[in-house]
C-alpha atoms as a PDB file:
ATOM      1  CA  MET A   1     -13.616 -82.586  -9.701  1.00  0.00           C
ATOM      2  CA  LEU A   2     -17.159 -82.164  -8.347  1.00  0.00           C
ATOM      3  CA  GLN A   3     -16.681 -84.970  -5.838  1.00  0.00           C
ATOM      4  CA  THR A   4     -13.432 -83.372  -4.672  1.00  0.00           C
ATOM      5  CA  ALA A   5     -15.172 -80.016  -4.181  1.00  0.00           C
ATOM      6  CA  ILE A   6     -18.008 -81.668  -2.246  1.00  0.00           C
ATOM      7  CA  SER A   7     -15.513 -83.543  -0.079  1.00  0.00           C
ATOM      8  CA  LEU A   8     -13.551 -80.383   0.690  1.00  0.00           C
ATOM      9  CA  TYR A   9     -16.736 -78.509   1.541  1.00  0.00           C
ATOM     10  CA  SER A  10     -17.862 -81.337   3.833  1.00  0.00           C
ATOM     11  CA  LYS A  11     -14.530 -81.300   5.665  1.00  0.00           C
ATOM     12  CA  PHE A  12     -14.625 -77.513   5.980  1.00  0.00           C
ATOM     13  CA  ASN A  13     -18.204 -77.607   7.270  1.00  0.00           C
ATOM     14  CA  ASN A  14     -17.280 -80.233   9.862  1.00  0.00           C
ATOM     15  CA  PHE A  15     -14.271 -78.127  10.878  1.00  0.00           C
ATOM     16  CA  ILE A  16     -16.523 -75.104  11.482  1.00  0.00           C
ATOM     17  CA  GLU A  17     -19.202 -77.183  13.217  1.00  0.00           C
ATOM     18  CA  LEU A  18     -16.732 -78.605  15.726  1.00  0.00           C
ATOM     19  CA  ARG A  19     -15.439 -75.155  16.623  1.00  0.00           C
ATOM     20  CA  THR A  20     -18.759 -73.292  16.790  1.00  0.00           C
ATOM     21  CA  ASP A  21     -19.725 -72.397  20.339  1.00  0.00           C
ATOM     22  CA  ASP A  22     -22.846 -74.381  21.299  1.00  0.00           C
ATOM     23  CA  ARG A  23     -24.371 -71.322  22.970  1.00  0.00           C
ATOM     24  CA  ILE A  24     -24.602 -69.400  19.678  1.00  0.00           C
ATOM     25  CA  LYS A  25     -25.749 -72.171  17.315  1.00  0.00           C
ATOM     26  CA  GLY A  26     -29.450 -71.428  17.756  1.00  0.00           C
ATOM     27  CA  TYR A  27     -29.204 -67.780  16.731  1.00  0.00           C
ATOM     28  CA  PRO A  28     -30.220 -66.705  13.184  1.00  0.00           C
ATOM     29  CA  LEU A  29     -27.415 -66.693  10.595  1.00  0.00           C
ATOM     30  CA  MET A  30     -25.147 -68.707  12.874  1.00  0.00           C
ATOM     31  CA  GLN A  31     -25.658 -72.107  11.192  1.00  0.00           C
ATOM     32  CA  GLY A  32     -22.562 -71.988   9.009  1.00  0.00           C
ATOM     33  CA  PRO A  33     -20.969 -69.236   6.891  1.00  0.00           C
ATOM     34  CA  ILE A  34     -22.901 -69.849   3.650  1.00  0.00           C
ATOM     35  CA  LYS A  35     -25.847 -67.497   4.306  1.00  0.00           C
ATOM     36  CA  MET A  36     -23.506 -64.801   5.564  1.00  0.00           C
ATOM     37  CA  ASN A  37     -21.301 -65.031   2.477  1.00  0.00           C
ATOM     38  CA  VAL A  38     -24.296 -65.047   0.106  1.00  0.00           C
ATOM     39  CA  ILE A  39     -25.748 -61.902   1.712  1.00  0.00           C
ATOM     40  CA  LEU A  40     -22.449 -60.022   1.575  1.00  0.00           C
ATOM     41  CA  LEU A  41     -21.652 -61.088  -2.000  1.00  0.00           C
ATOM     42  CA  ALA A  42     -25.163 -60.010  -3.040  1.00  0.00           C
ATOM     43  CA  TYR A  43     -24.569 -56.676  -1.291  1.00  0.00           C
ATOM     44  CA  VAL A  44     -21.321 -56.040  -3.162  1.00  0.00           C
ATOM     45  CA  PHE A  45     -22.865 -57.147  -6.472  1.00  0.00           C
ATOM     46  CA  PHE A  46     -25.907 -54.907  -5.960  1.00  0.00           C
ATOM     47  CA  SER A  47     -23.815 -51.921  -4.872  1.00  0.00           C
ATOM     48  CA  MET A  48     -21.322 -52.039  -7.708  1.00  0.00           C
ATOM     49  CA  TYR A  49     -23.293 -53.538 -10.599  1.00  0.00           C
ATOM     50  CA  VAL A  50     -27.016 -54.322 -10.311  1.00  0.00           C
ATOM     51  CA  GLY A  51     -28.144 -51.211  -8.448  1.00  0.00           C
ATOM     52  CA  PRO A  52     -26.507 -48.591 -10.705  1.00  0.00           C
ATOM     53  CA  ARG A  53     -27.870 -50.295 -13.825  1.00  0.00           C
ATOM     54  CA  LEU A  54     -31.319 -50.624 -12.287  1.00  0.00           C
ATOM     55  CA  MET A  55     -31.400 -46.873 -11.620  1.00  0.00           C
ATOM     56  CA  ALA A  56     -29.588 -45.773 -14.796  1.00  0.00           C
ATOM     57  CA  ASN A  57     -32.743 -44.655 -16.650  1.00  0.00           C
ATOM     58  CA  ARG A  58     -34.792 -43.804 -13.580  1.00  0.00           C
ATOM     59  CA  LYS A  59     -35.090 -40.633 -11.562  1.00  0.00           C
ATOM     60  CA  PRO A  60     -33.499 -40.670  -8.081  1.00  0.00           C
ATOM     61  CA  LEU A  61     -35.952 -41.524  -5.343  1.00  0.00           C
ATOM     62  CA  ARG A  62     -36.756 -39.091  -2.560  1.00  0.00           C
ATOM     63  CA  LEU A  63     -36.417 -41.134   0.606  1.00  0.00           C
ATOM     64  CA  ASN A  64     -36.273 -38.486   3.318  1.00  0.00           C
ATOM     65  CA  THR A  65     -39.019 -40.027   5.467  1.00  0.00           C
ATOM     66  CA  ALA A  66     -37.550 -43.523   5.170  1.00  0.00           C
ATOM     67  CA  MET A  67     -34.092 -42.192   6.013  1.00  0.00           C
ATOM     68  CA  ILE A  68     -35.393 -40.317   9.064  1.00  0.00           C
ATOM     69  CA  VAL A  69     -37.041 -43.486  10.378  1.00  0.00           C
ATOM     70  CA  TYR A  70     -33.955 -45.563   9.566  1.00  0.00           C
ATOM     71  CA  ASN A  71     -31.463 -43.170  11.176  1.00  0.00           C
ATOM     72  CA  LEU A  72     -33.573 -42.752  14.302  1.00  0.00           C
ATOM     73  CA  SER A  73     -33.928 -46.538  14.582  1.00  0.00           C
ATOM     74  CA  MET A  74     -30.151 -46.972  14.261  1.00  0.00           C
ATOM     75  CA  ILE A  75     -29.554 -44.388  16.986  1.00  0.00           C
ATOM     76  CA  LEU A  76     -31.831 -46.277  19.372  1.00  0.00           C
ATOM     77  CA  LEU A  77     -30.447 -49.686  18.406  1.00  0.00           C
ATOM     78  CA  ASN A  78     -26.817 -48.667  18.881  1.00  0.00           C
ATOM     79  CA  ALA A  79     -27.593 -46.925  22.171  1.00  0.00           C
ATOM     80  CA  PHE A  80     -29.221 -50.146  23.383  1.00  0.00           C
ATOM     81  CA  ILE A  81     -26.181 -52.163  22.251  1.00  0.00           C
ATOM     82  CA  VAL A  82     -23.835 -49.875  24.193  1.00  0.00           C
ATOM     83  CA  TYR A  83     -26.027 -50.219  27.290  1.00  0.00           C
ATOM     84  CA  GLU A  84     -26.082 -54.013  26.999  1.00  0.00           C
ATOM     85  CA  PHE A  85     -22.305 -54.187  26.560  1.00  0.00           C
ATOM     86  CA  MET A  86     -21.881 -52.125  29.705  1.00  0.00           C
ATOM     87  CA  MET A  87     -24.312 -54.260  31.706  1.00  0.00           C
ATOM     88  CA  SER A  88     -22.837 -57.497  30.356  1.00  0.00           C
ATOM     89  CA  GLY A  89     -19.363 -56.833  31.672  1.00  0.00           C
ATOM     90  CA  TRP A  90     -17.742 -53.572  30.625  1.00  0.00           C
ATOM     91  CA  GLY A  91     -19.548 -51.594  33.290  1.00  0.00           C
ATOM     92  CA  THR A  92     -19.722 -54.361  35.878  1.00  0.00           C
ATOM     93  CA  THR A  93     -17.038 -57.048  36.110  1.00  0.00           C
ATOM     94  CA  TYR A  94     -14.465 -56.412  33.359  1.00  0.00           C
ATOM     95  CA  THR A  95     -11.064 -54.943  34.167  1.00  0.00           C
ATOM     96  CA  TRP A  96     -10.615 -53.284  30.732  1.00  0.00           C
ATOM     97  CA  LYS A  97      -7.302 -55.120  30.494  1.00  0.00           C
ATOM     98  CA  CYS A  98      -7.018 -58.874  29.956  1.00  0.00           C
ATOM     99  CA  ASP A  99     -10.717 -59.825  29.952  1.00  0.00           C
ATOM    100  CA  LEU A 100     -11.082 -63.369  28.673  1.00  0.00           C
ATOM    101  CA  ALA A 101     -14.047 -64.628  26.695  1.00  0.00           C
ATOM    102  CA  ASP A 102     -16.686 -65.937  29.097  1.00  0.00           C
ATOM    103  CA  THR A 103     -17.170 -69.667  28.507  1.00  0.00           C
ATOM    104  CA  SER A 104     -19.667 -70.179  31.344  1.00  0.00           C
ATOM    105  CA  THR A 105     -23.450 -70.596  31.234  1.00  0.00           C
ATOM    106  CA  THR A 106     -24.206 -67.766  33.659  1.00  0.00           C
ATOM    107  CA  PRO A 107     -26.925 -65.175  32.895  1.00  0.00           C
ATOM    108  CA  GLN A 108     -24.229 -62.536  32.320  1.00  0.00           C
ATOM    109  CA  ALA A 109     -22.465 -64.766  29.785  1.00  0.00           C
ATOM    110  CA  PHE A 110     -25.696 -65.297  27.851  1.00  0.00           C
ATOM    111  CA  ARG A 111     -26.409 -61.575  28.017  1.00  0.00           C
ATOM    112  CA  MET A 112     -23.000 -60.859  26.477  1.00  0.00           C
ATOM    113  CA  ILE A 113     -23.655 -63.456  23.773  1.00  0.00           C
ATOM    114  CA  ARG A 114     -26.976 -61.805  22.914  1.00  0.00           C
ATOM    115  CA  VAL A 115     -25.498 -58.320  22.606  1.00  0.00           C
ATOM    116  CA  CYS A 116     -22.538 -59.587  20.537  1.00  0.00           C
ATOM    117  CA  TRP A 117     -25.005 -61.257  18.179  1.00  0.00           C
ATOM    118  CA  LEU A 118     -27.171 -58.115  18.091  1.00  0.00           C
ATOM    119  CA  PHE A 119     -24.133 -56.019  17.178  1.00  0.00           C
ATOM    120  CA  TYR A 120     -23.393 -58.529  14.409  1.00  0.00           C
ATOM    121  CA  ILE A 121     -26.953 -58.215  13.052  1.00  0.00           C
ATOM    122  CA  SER A 122     -26.724 -54.408  13.182  1.00  0.00           C
ATOM    123  CA  LYS A 123     -23.927 -54.628  10.605  1.00  0.00           C
ATOM    124  CA  TYR A 124     -26.431 -56.090   8.127  1.00  0.00           C
ATOM    125  CA  LEU A 125     -28.902 -53.287   8.844  1.00  0.00           C
ATOM    126  CA  GLU A 126     -26.150 -50.788   8.054  1.00  0.00           C
ATOM    127  CA  LEU A 127     -26.022 -52.135   4.503  1.00  0.00           C
ATOM    128  CA  LEU A 128     -29.122 -50.011   3.951  1.00  0.00           C
ATOM    129  CA  ASP A 129     -26.769 -46.999   3.940  1.00  0.00           C
ATOM    130  CA  THR A 130     -25.591 -48.194   0.533  1.00  0.00           C
ATOM    131  CA  VAL A 131     -29.081 -49.083  -0.676  1.00  0.00           C
ATOM    132  CA  PHE A 132     -30.171 -45.490  -0.006  1.00  0.00           C
ATOM    133  CA  PHE A 133     -27.179 -44.255  -2.019  1.00  0.00           C
ATOM    134  CA  VAL A 134     -28.104 -46.455  -4.971  1.00  0.00           C
ATOM    135  CA  LEU A 135     -31.800 -45.560  -4.973  1.00  0.00           C
ATOM    136  CA  ARG A 136     -30.953 -41.856  -4.697  1.00  0.00           C
ATOM    137  CA  LYS A 137     -28.397 -42.216  -7.533  1.00  0.00           C
ATOM    138  CA  LYS A 138     -25.438 -41.198  -5.378  1.00  0.00           C
ATOM    139  CA  GLN A 139     -23.176 -43.837  -6.876  1.00  0.00           C
ATOM    140  CA  SER A 140     -20.104 -41.622  -6.526  1.00  0.00           C
ATOM    141  CA  GLN A 141     -20.433 -42.010  -2.757  1.00  0.00           C
ATOM    142  CA  ILE A 142     -20.073 -45.787  -2.968  1.00  0.00           C
ATOM    143  CA  THR A 143     -16.301 -45.853  -2.720  1.00  0.00           C
ATOM    144  CA  PHE A 144     -13.938 -48.719  -1.987  1.00  0.00           C
ATOM    145  CA  LEU A 145     -13.739 -47.568   1.634  1.00  0.00           C
ATOM    146  CA  HIS A 146     -17.527 -47.538   1.941  1.00  0.00           C
ATOM    147  CA  VAL A 147     -18.154 -50.992   0.438  1.00  0.00           C
ATOM    148  CA  PHE A 148     -15.163 -52.652   2.062  1.00  0.00           C
ATOM    149  CA  HIS A 149     -16.020 -51.303   5.514  1.00  0.00           C
ATOM    150  CA  HIS A 150     -19.671 -52.369   5.278  1.00  0.00           C
ATOM    151  CA  SER A 151     -18.882 -55.885   4.059  1.00  0.00           C
ATOM    152  CA  PHE A 152     -15.728 -56.570   6.077  1.00  0.00           C
ATOM    153  CA  MET A 153     -17.287 -55.931   9.494  1.00  0.00           C
ATOM    154  CA  PRO A 154     -20.112 -58.513   9.381  1.00  0.00           C
ATOM    155  CA  TRP A 155     -17.810 -61.060   7.726  1.00  0.00           C
ATOM    156  CA  THR A 156     -15.180 -60.853  10.465  1.00  0.00           C
ATOM    157  CA  TRP A 157     -17.797 -60.693  13.219  1.00  0.00           C
ATOM    158  CA  TRP A 158     -19.392 -63.925  12.080  1.00  0.00           C
ATOM    159  CA  TRP A 159     -16.107 -65.704  12.726  1.00  0.00           C
ATOM    160  CA  GLY A 160     -15.591 -63.864  16.002  1.00  0.00           C
ATOM    161  CA  ILE A 161     -18.894 -64.774  17.620  1.00  0.00           C
ATOM    162  CA  THR A 162     -18.782 -68.283  16.162  1.00  0.00           C
ATOM    163  CA  LEU A 163     -15.571 -68.989  18.076  1.00  0.00           C
ATOM    164  CA  THR A 164     -15.902 -66.663  21.090  1.00  0.00           C
ATOM    165  CA  PRO A 165     -19.476 -65.320  21.389  1.00  0.00           C
ATOM    166  CA  ALA A 166     -18.942 -63.845  24.870  1.00  0.00           C
ATOM    167  CA  ALA A 167     -15.813 -62.194  23.604  1.00  0.00           C
ATOM    168  CA  GLY A 168     -14.224 -60.396  26.564  1.00  0.00           C
ATOM    169  CA  MET A 169     -11.511 -57.988  25.425  1.00  0.00           C
ATOM    170  CA  GLY A 170     -12.240 -59.088  21.864  1.00  0.00           C
ATOM    171  CA  CYS A 171     -15.570 -57.206  21.874  1.00  0.00           C
ATOM    172  CA  PHE A 172     -14.359 -53.886  23.272  1.00  0.00           C
ATOM    173  CA  HIS A 173     -14.117 -52.440  19.762  1.00  0.00           C
ATOM    174  CA  ALA A 174     -17.781 -53.338  19.192  1.00  0.00           C
ATOM    175  CA  MET A 175     -18.892 -51.250  22.158  1.00  0.00           C
ATOM    176  CA  VAL A 176     -16.751 -48.324  20.975  1.00  0.00           C
ATOM    177  CA  ASN A 177     -18.065 -48.708  17.430  1.00  0.00           C
ATOM    178  CA  ALA A 178     -21.694 -48.710  18.605  1.00  0.00           C
ATOM    179  CA  THR A 179     -21.011 -45.559  20.641  1.00  0.00           C
ATOM    180  CA  VAL A 180     -19.604 -43.790  17.579  1.00  0.00           C
ATOM    181  CA  HIS A 181     -22.601 -44.938  15.539  1.00  0.00           C
ATOM    182  CA  VAL A 182     -25.009 -43.288  17.965  1.00  0.00           C
ATOM    183  CA  ILE A 183     -23.295 -39.973  17.174  1.00  0.00           C
ATOM    184  CA  MET A 184     -22.947 -40.730  13.474  1.00  0.00           C
ATOM    185  CA  TYR A 185     -26.586 -41.644  12.891  1.00  0.00           C
ATOM    186  CA  PHE A 186     -27.665 -38.574  14.848  1.00  0.00           C
ATOM    187  CA  TYR A 187     -25.664 -36.562  12.321  1.00  0.00           C
ATOM    188  CA  TYR A 188     -27.356 -38.415   9.466  1.00  0.00           C
ATOM    189  CA  LEU A 189     -30.757 -37.836  11.086  1.00  0.00           C
ATOM    190  CA  LEU A 190     -30.197 -34.078  11.070  1.00  0.00           C
ATOM    191  CA  SER A 191     -29.125 -34.320   7.449  1.00  0.00           C
ATOM    192  CA  ALA A 192     -32.290 -36.159   6.402  1.00  0.00           C
ATOM    193  CA  ALA A 193     -34.565 -33.896   8.460  1.00  0.00           C
ATOM    194  CA  GLY A 194     -34.414 -31.057   5.940  1.00  0.00           C
ATOM    195  CA  PRO A 195     -32.560 -27.839   5.047  1.00  0.00           C
ATOM    196  CA  ARG A 196     -33.626 -26.017   8.203  1.00  0.00           C
ATOM    197  CA  PHE A 197     -31.455 -28.409  10.227  1.00  0.00           C
ATOM    198  CA  HIS A 198     -28.374 -28.174   8.005  1.00  0.00           C
ATOM    199  CA  LYS A 199     -27.031 -25.169   9.887  1.00  0.00           C
ATOM    200  CA  TYR A 200     -26.475 -27.565  12.803  1.00  0.00           C
ATOM    201  CA  LEU A 201     -24.171 -29.778  10.731  1.00  0.00           C
ATOM    202  CA  TRP A 202     -21.069 -27.620  11.083  1.00  0.00           C
ATOM    203  CA  TRP A 203     -19.343 -30.443  12.977  1.00  0.00           C
ATOM    204  CA  LYS A 204     -18.917 -32.737   9.961  1.00  0.00           C
ATOM    205  CA  LYS A 205     -15.126 -32.537  10.221  1.00  0.00           C
ATOM    206  CA  TYR A 206     -15.287 -33.542  13.868  1.00  0.00           C
ATOM    207  CA  MET A 207     -17.354 -36.605  12.976  1.00  0.00           C
ATOM    208  CA  THR A 208     -14.437 -37.886  10.945  1.00  0.00           C
ATOM    209  CA  ALA A 209     -12.127 -37.051  13.860  1.00  0.00           C
ATOM    210  CA  ILE A 210     -14.355 -39.108  16.173  1.00  0.00           C
ATOM    211  CA  GLN A 211     -14.090 -42.056  13.793  1.00  0.00           C
ATOM    212  CA  LEU A 212     -10.301 -41.757  13.729  1.00  0.00           C
ATOM    213  CA  THR A 213     -10.212 -41.558  17.526  1.00  0.00           C
ATOM    214  CA  GLN A 214     -12.264 -44.747  17.637  1.00  0.00           C
ATOM    215  CA  PHE A 215      -9.585 -46.682  15.784  1.00  0.00           C
ATOM    216  CA  VAL A 216      -6.830 -45.286  18.006  1.00  0.00           C
ATOM    217  CA  ILE A 217      -8.700 -46.304  21.176  1.00  0.00           C
ATOM    218  CA  VAL A 218      -9.433 -49.780  19.826  1.00  0.00           C
ATOM    219  CA  SER A 219      -5.829 -50.346  18.700  1.00  0.00           C
ATOM    220  CA  VAL A 220      -4.361 -49.137  22.001  1.00  0.00           C
ATOM    221  CA  HIS A 221      -6.729 -51.281  24.060  1.00  0.00           C
ATOM    222  CA  ILE A 222      -6.145 -54.482  22.093  1.00  0.00           C
ATOM    223  CA  SER A 223      -2.371 -53.856  21.991  1.00  0.00           C
ATOM    224  CA  GLN A 224      -2.275 -54.572  25.733  1.00  0.00           C
ATOM    225  CA  TYR A 225      -2.421 -58.258  24.846  1.00  0.00           C
ATOM    226  CA  TYR A 226       1.056 -58.115  23.286  1.00  0.00           C
ATOM    227  CA  PHE A 227       2.638 -56.659  26.431  1.00  0.00           C
ATOM    228  CA  MET A 228       0.997 -58.938  29.012  1.00  0.00           C
ATOM    229  CA  GLU A 229       2.883 -62.031  30.053  1.00  0.00           C
ATOM    230  CA  THR A 230      -0.128 -63.878  31.487  1.00  0.00           C
ATOM    231  CA  CYS A 231      -3.032 -62.967  29.180  1.00  0.00           C
ATOM    232  CA  ASP A 232      -4.140 -66.364  27.851  1.00  0.00           C
ATOM    233  CA  TYR A 233      -6.971 -65.222  25.582  1.00  0.00           C
ATOM    234  CA  GLN A 234      -8.705 -68.303  24.189  1.00  0.00           C
ATOM    235  CA  ILE A 235      -8.544 -67.418  20.481  1.00  0.00           C
ATOM    236  CA  PRO A 236      -5.458 -65.216  19.866  1.00  0.00           C
ATOM    237  CA  MET A 237      -6.388 -64.899  16.180  1.00  0.00           C
ATOM    238  CA  CYS A 238      -9.379 -62.765  17.210  1.00  0.00           C
ATOM    239  CA  ILE A 239      -7.009 -60.395  18.995  1.00  0.00           C
ATOM    240  CA  HIS A 240      -4.736 -60.177  15.954  1.00  0.00           C
ATOM    241  CA  LEU A 241      -7.723 -59.521  13.691  1.00  0.00           C
ATOM    242  CA  VAL A 242      -9.031 -56.674  15.878  1.00  0.00           C
ATOM    243  CA  TRP A 243      -5.580 -55.091  16.001  1.00  0.00           C
ATOM    244  CA  MET A 244      -5.205 -55.297  12.219  1.00  0.00           C
ATOM    245  CA  TYR A 245      -8.734 -53.931  11.812  1.00  0.00           C
ATOM    246  CA  GLY A 246      -7.951 -50.901  13.990  1.00  0.00           C
ATOM    247  CA  ILE A 247      -4.692 -50.089  12.206  1.00  0.00           C
ATOM    248  CA  PHE A 248      -6.018 -50.711   8.704  1.00  0.00           C
ATOM    249  CA  PHE A 249      -9.128 -48.582   9.073  1.00  0.00           C
ATOM    250  CA  PHE A 250      -7.172 -45.845  10.810  1.00  0.00           C
ATOM    251  CA  LEU A 251      -5.001 -45.633   7.697  1.00  0.00           C
ATOM    252  CA  LEU A 252      -8.013 -45.643   5.348  1.00  0.00           C
ATOM    253  CA  PHE A 253      -9.880 -42.966   7.288  1.00  0.00           C
ATOM    254  CA  SER A 254      -6.670 -40.934   7.642  1.00  0.00           C
ATOM    255  CA  ASN A 255      -6.367 -40.953   3.870  1.00  0.00           C
ATOM    256  CA  PHE A 256      -9.961 -39.721   3.642  1.00  0.00           C
ATOM    257  CA  TRP A 257      -9.128 -36.937   6.124  1.00  0.00           C
ATOM    258  CA  ILE A 258      -6.102 -35.864   4.071  1.00  0.00           C
ATOM    259  CA  GLN A 259      -8.038 -35.896   0.795  1.00  0.00           C
ATOM    260  CA  ALA A 260     -11.087 -34.102   2.218  1.00  0.00           C
ATOM    261  CA  TYR A 261      -9.714 -31.594   4.707  1.00  0.00           C
ATOM    262  CA  ILE A 262      -6.084 -31.017   3.757  1.00  0.00           C
ATOM    263  CA  LYS A 263      -6.116 -31.337  -0.028  1.00  0.00           C
ATOM    264  CA  GLY A 264      -9.816 -30.456  -0.308  1.00  0.00           C
ATOM    265  CA  LYS A 265     -10.448 -32.962  -3.083  1.00  0.00           C
ATOM    266  CA  ARG A 266     -13.806 -34.067  -1.659  1.00  0.00           C
ATOM    267  CA  LEU A 267     -15.127 -30.549  -1.017  1.00  0.00           C
ATOM    268  CA  PRO A 268     -17.123 -28.513  -3.551  1.00  0.00           C
ATOM    269  CA  ALA A 269     -15.338 -25.695  -5.328  1.00  0.00           C
ATOM    270  CA  ALA A 270     -16.603 -22.220  -4.504  1.00  0.00           C
ATOM    271  CA  GLU A 271     -17.556 -19.788  -7.239  1.00  0.00           C
ATOM    272  CA  ASP A 272     -17.004 -16.875  -4.902  1.00  0.00           C
ATOM    273  CA  LYS A 273     -14.942 -17.033  -1.749  1.00  0.00           C
ATOM    274  CA  PRO A 274     -16.304 -14.359   0.564  1.00  0.00           C
ATOM    275  CA  LYS A 275     -13.802 -12.368   2.561  1.00  0.00           C
ATOM    276  CA  GLN A 276     -14.200 -12.110   6.308  1.00  0.00           C
ATOM    277  CA  ASN A 277     -11.918  -9.970   8.419  1.00  0.00           C
ATOM    278  CA  GLY A 278      -9.662  -9.441   5.423  1.00  0.00           C
ATOM    279  CA  SER A 279      -9.095 -13.133   4.769  1.00  0.00           C
ATOM    280  CA  ILE A 280     -10.487 -15.707   2.426  1.00  0.00           C
ATOM    281  CA  ARG A 281     -12.946 -18.063   4.057  1.00  0.00           C
ATOM    282  CA  GLU A 282     -13.414 -21.496   2.508  1.00  0.00           C
ATOM    283  CA  PRO A 283     -17.019 -22.744   2.393  1.00  0.00           C
ATOM    284  CA  ILE A 284     -17.843 -25.349   4.990  1.00  0.00           C
ATOM    285  CA  THR A 285     -20.098 -28.021   3.575  1.00  0.00           C
ATOM    286  CA  ALA A 286     -21.831 -30.625   5.673  1.00  0.00           C
ATOM    287  CA  VAL A 287     -21.625 -34.214   4.583  1.00  0.00           C
ATOM    288  CA  ALA A 288     -23.814 -37.056   5.817  1.00  0.00           C
ATOM    289  CA  ASN A 289     -23.609 -40.667   4.662  1.00  0.00           C
ATOM    290  CA  GLY A 290     -20.848 -39.381   2.378  1.00  0.00           C
ATOM    291  CA  LYS A 291     -22.968 -36.819   0.499  1.00  0.00           C
ATOM    292  CA  HIS A 292     -23.040 -33.051   0.287  1.00  0.00           C
ATOM    293  CA  LEU A 293     -25.942 -31.442   2.110  1.00  0.00           C
ATOM    294  CA  GLU A 294     -27.757 -28.766   0.218  1.00  0.00           C
ATOM    295  CA  ASN A 295     -31.188 -27.190   0.135  1.00  0.00           C
ATOM    296  CA  GLY A 296     -33.416 -26.987  -2.894  1.00  0.00           C
ATOM    297  CA  ASN A 297     -31.640 -23.933  -4.287  1.00  0.00           C
ATOM    298  CA  GLY A 298     -28.134 -25.366  -4.111  1.00  0.00           C
ATOM    299  CA  HIS A 299     -27.159 -23.151  -1.168  1.00  0.00           C
ATOM    300  CA  HIS A 300     -24.945 -24.417   1.618  1.00  0.00           C
ATOM    301  CA  HIS A 301     -25.447 -23.201   5.166  1.00  0.00           C
ATOM    302  CA  THR A 302     -22.315 -22.147   7.024  1.00  0.00           C
ATOM    303  CA  ASN A 303     -22.547 -20.803  10.559  1.00  0.00           C
ATOM    304  CA  GLY A 304     -25.946 -19.293   9.823  1.00  0.00           C
ATOM    305  CA  LYS A 305     -24.838 -17.618   6.518  1.00  0.00           C
ATOM    306  CA  ILE A 306     -25.533 -18.805   3.001  1.00  0.00           C
ATOM    307  CA  LEU A 307     -22.609 -19.352   0.661  1.00  0.00           C
ATOM    308  CA  MET A 308     -23.223 -19.804  -3.054  1.00  0.00           C
ATOM    309  CA  VAL A 309     -21.172 -22.764  -4.209  1.00  0.00           C
ATOM    310  CA  LYS A 310     -20.888 -24.921  -7.237  1.00  0.00           C
ATOM    311  CA  VAL A 311     -21.776 -28.397  -6.090  1.00  0.00           C
ATOM    312  CA  LYS A 312     -19.815 -31.334  -7.428  1.00  0.00           C
ATOM    313  CA  ASP A 313     -20.541 -34.933  -6.642  1.00  0.00           C
ATOM    314  CA  ILE A 314     -17.826 -36.543  -4.622  1.00  0.00           C
END
């Protein structure tokens, strides 16, 4: 049995080795899928089991300074990734239609490879979102959507840049995703900066709308492949995976939108609903990294006014 397992692993490893693009082999974490799988399995295990038990009898940590530094760093990193994607093809030579993966050894091809790899590495850095949740004892925020999204992206991207590192139309969704993350981490930065900035977080609902728009744009762009007669993209499976990714996450985030903003299941219940202009006004609560934003007194800021609400963990 052991010899059979070793033989199968050897054949699988040789299969991957033969299909790995030579231009990406020297980059960290690109020497086979083992390290990638170990990191992601450890992430899931820590998020769902080890972390909560480690913090069970401990007080939640106050990590505002660390979160400010982290969120600011992620803003700058994602802005740089967007810039590099633009300079590597999307703002220079690409048609935004059937752009094949660049298999050449030109400086632009290597620049695209570097930014694709950097985007891949940024997905590991984003795992710190969950670590902050665990250390701050916000386990209720670590939902299936959260964990699946954070682990699925780096896993699929390892395969993508292994086969087509200068990905052409297959990396468009990465540029869009990095753009959205610039906005998202700016939101999180305001959240971590303290209560005096919470009045500027009224656009929480629109952040979710931006994420939904992202998946629509990605799905529409990649769908061009299925209507083009002469688009011979090198690895069609990458196209299929991006399309499924866009549709699947659109459905997941749509469900979140329905639960949060239509059914109100993820919003705190108000003890008193103040009337304005003769109507009942629901409290607007800002959420960052999936958590309610509140100041030290449990007040929520809404359009410059303070609403007393009973805060429930979501």
